[in-house]
Amino acid sequence: MKELKSCQFNMDSGCVELCYSDGSMLAIDCTAVENSIETTMNQRSEMDWLIYNAPLDYAELVLNGELEDYLKRVSGP
């Protein structure tokens, strides 16, 4: 079973990168995610905060398909 070793935002690529113990890596293109959902300015600000301050939480929301619901809960429609 592969274990998550690190998760961080790579400013150069604009991706949240997850690195696993088996050497594999998953990169989430934050710009593509932002462009794929309709958001308000407040919701974009919340996404930016997550990306910079809680990239693992951001990755979990994206990978579980829960980002839009989360943004509606914390920032309104």
Protein backbone atom coordinates (compact mmCIF):
# COMPACT_ATOMS: atom_id res chain seq x y z
CA MET A 1 0.00 0.00 0.00
CA LYS A 2 1.44 3.35 -0.97
CA GLU A 3 1.60 6.01 1.68
CA LEU A 4 1.41 9.76 1.11
CA LYS A 5 4.82 11.29 1.79
CA SER A 6 4.18 14.94 0.93
CA CYS A 7 1.60 17.33 -0.42
CA GLN A 8 2.43 20.87 -1.46
CA PHE A 9 1.53 23.60 -3.89
CA ASN A 10 4.11 24.08 -6.65
CA MET A 11 3.93 27.73 -7.61
CA ASP A 12 5.96 27.16 -10.80
CA SER A 13 3.51 24.63 -12.24
CA GLY A 14 0.34 25.90 -10.55
CA CYS A 15 -0.33 22.39 -9.26
CA VAL A 16 -0.93 20.77 -5.90
CA GLU A 17 1.47 17.83 -5.95
CA LEU A 18 1.03 14.67 -3.92
CA CYS A 19 4.07 12.38 -3.63
CA TYR A 20 3.71 8.76 -2.50
CA SER A 21 6.11 6.30 -0.89
CA ASP A 22 6.31 4.17 -4.04
CA GLY A 23 7.69 7.15 -6.00
CA SER A 24 4.46 7.97 -7.81
CA MET A 25 3.17 11.52 -7.95
CA LEU A 26 -0.21 13.08 -8.61
CA ALA A 27 -0.45 16.71 -9.75
CA ILE A 28 -3.74 18.60 -9.61
CA ASP A 29 -3.80 21.55 -12.02
CA CYS A 30 -5.42 24.25 -9.89
CA THR A 31 -6.14 26.55 -12.85
CA ALA A 32 -7.98 23.77 -14.67
CA VAL A 33 -10.02 23.01 -11.54
CA GLU A 34 -10.92 26.69 -11.10
CA ASN A 35 -11.93 26.98 -14.76
CA SER A 36 -14.08 23.84 -14.63
CA ILE A 37 -16.51 25.18 -12.02
CA GLU A 38 -18.46 28.41 -11.76
CA THR A 39 -17.35 30.37 -8.75
CA THR A 40 -17.88 33.72 -7.10
CA MET A 41 -15.02 35.96 -6.03
CA ASN A 42 -15.44 34.75 -2.42
CA GLN A 43 -15.27 31.12 -3.52
CA ARG A 44 -12.11 31.78 -5.57
CA SER A 45 -10.57 33.41 -2.51
CA GLU A 46 -11.44 30.35 -0.44
CA MET A 47 -9.86 28.07 -3.06
CA ASP A 48 -6.72 30.21 -3.08
CA TRP A 49 -6.53 30.04 0.72
CA LEU A 50 -6.84 26.24 0.62
CA ILE A 51 -4.21 25.89 -2.10
CA TYR A 52 -1.63 27.93 -0.21
CA ASN A 53 -2.47 26.99 3.38
CA ALA A 54 -4.09 23.55 3.26
CA PRO A 55 -3.11 21.84 0.00
CA LEU A 56 -3.95 18.37 1.32
CA ASP A 57 -7.49 19.47 2.20
CA TYR A 58 -7.80 21.02 -1.27
CA ALA A 59 -6.57 17.80 -2.91
CA GLU A 60 -8.99 15.67 -0.90
CA LEU A 61 -11.92 17.89 -1.86
CA VAL A 62 -10.98 17.78 -5.54
CA LEU A 63 -10.29 14.04 -5.64
CA ASN A 64 -13.51 13.22 -3.77
CA GLY A 65 -15.59 15.52 -6.00
CA GLU A 66 -16.62 17.64 -3.01
CA LEU A 67 -15.02 21.00 -3.84
CA GLU A 68 -18.17 22.69 -5.20
CA ASP A 69 -20.28 21.62 -2.22
CA TYR A 70 -17.57 22.78 0.18
CA LEU A 71 -17.37 26.19 -1.50
CA LYS A 72 -21.14 26.62 -1.36
CA ARG A 73 -21.14 25.77 2.36
CA VAL A 74 -18.34 28.13 3.37
CA SER A 75 -18.74 31.00 0.89
CA GLY A 76 -22.35 30.90 -0.23
CA PRO A 77 -23.69 30.36 -3.74
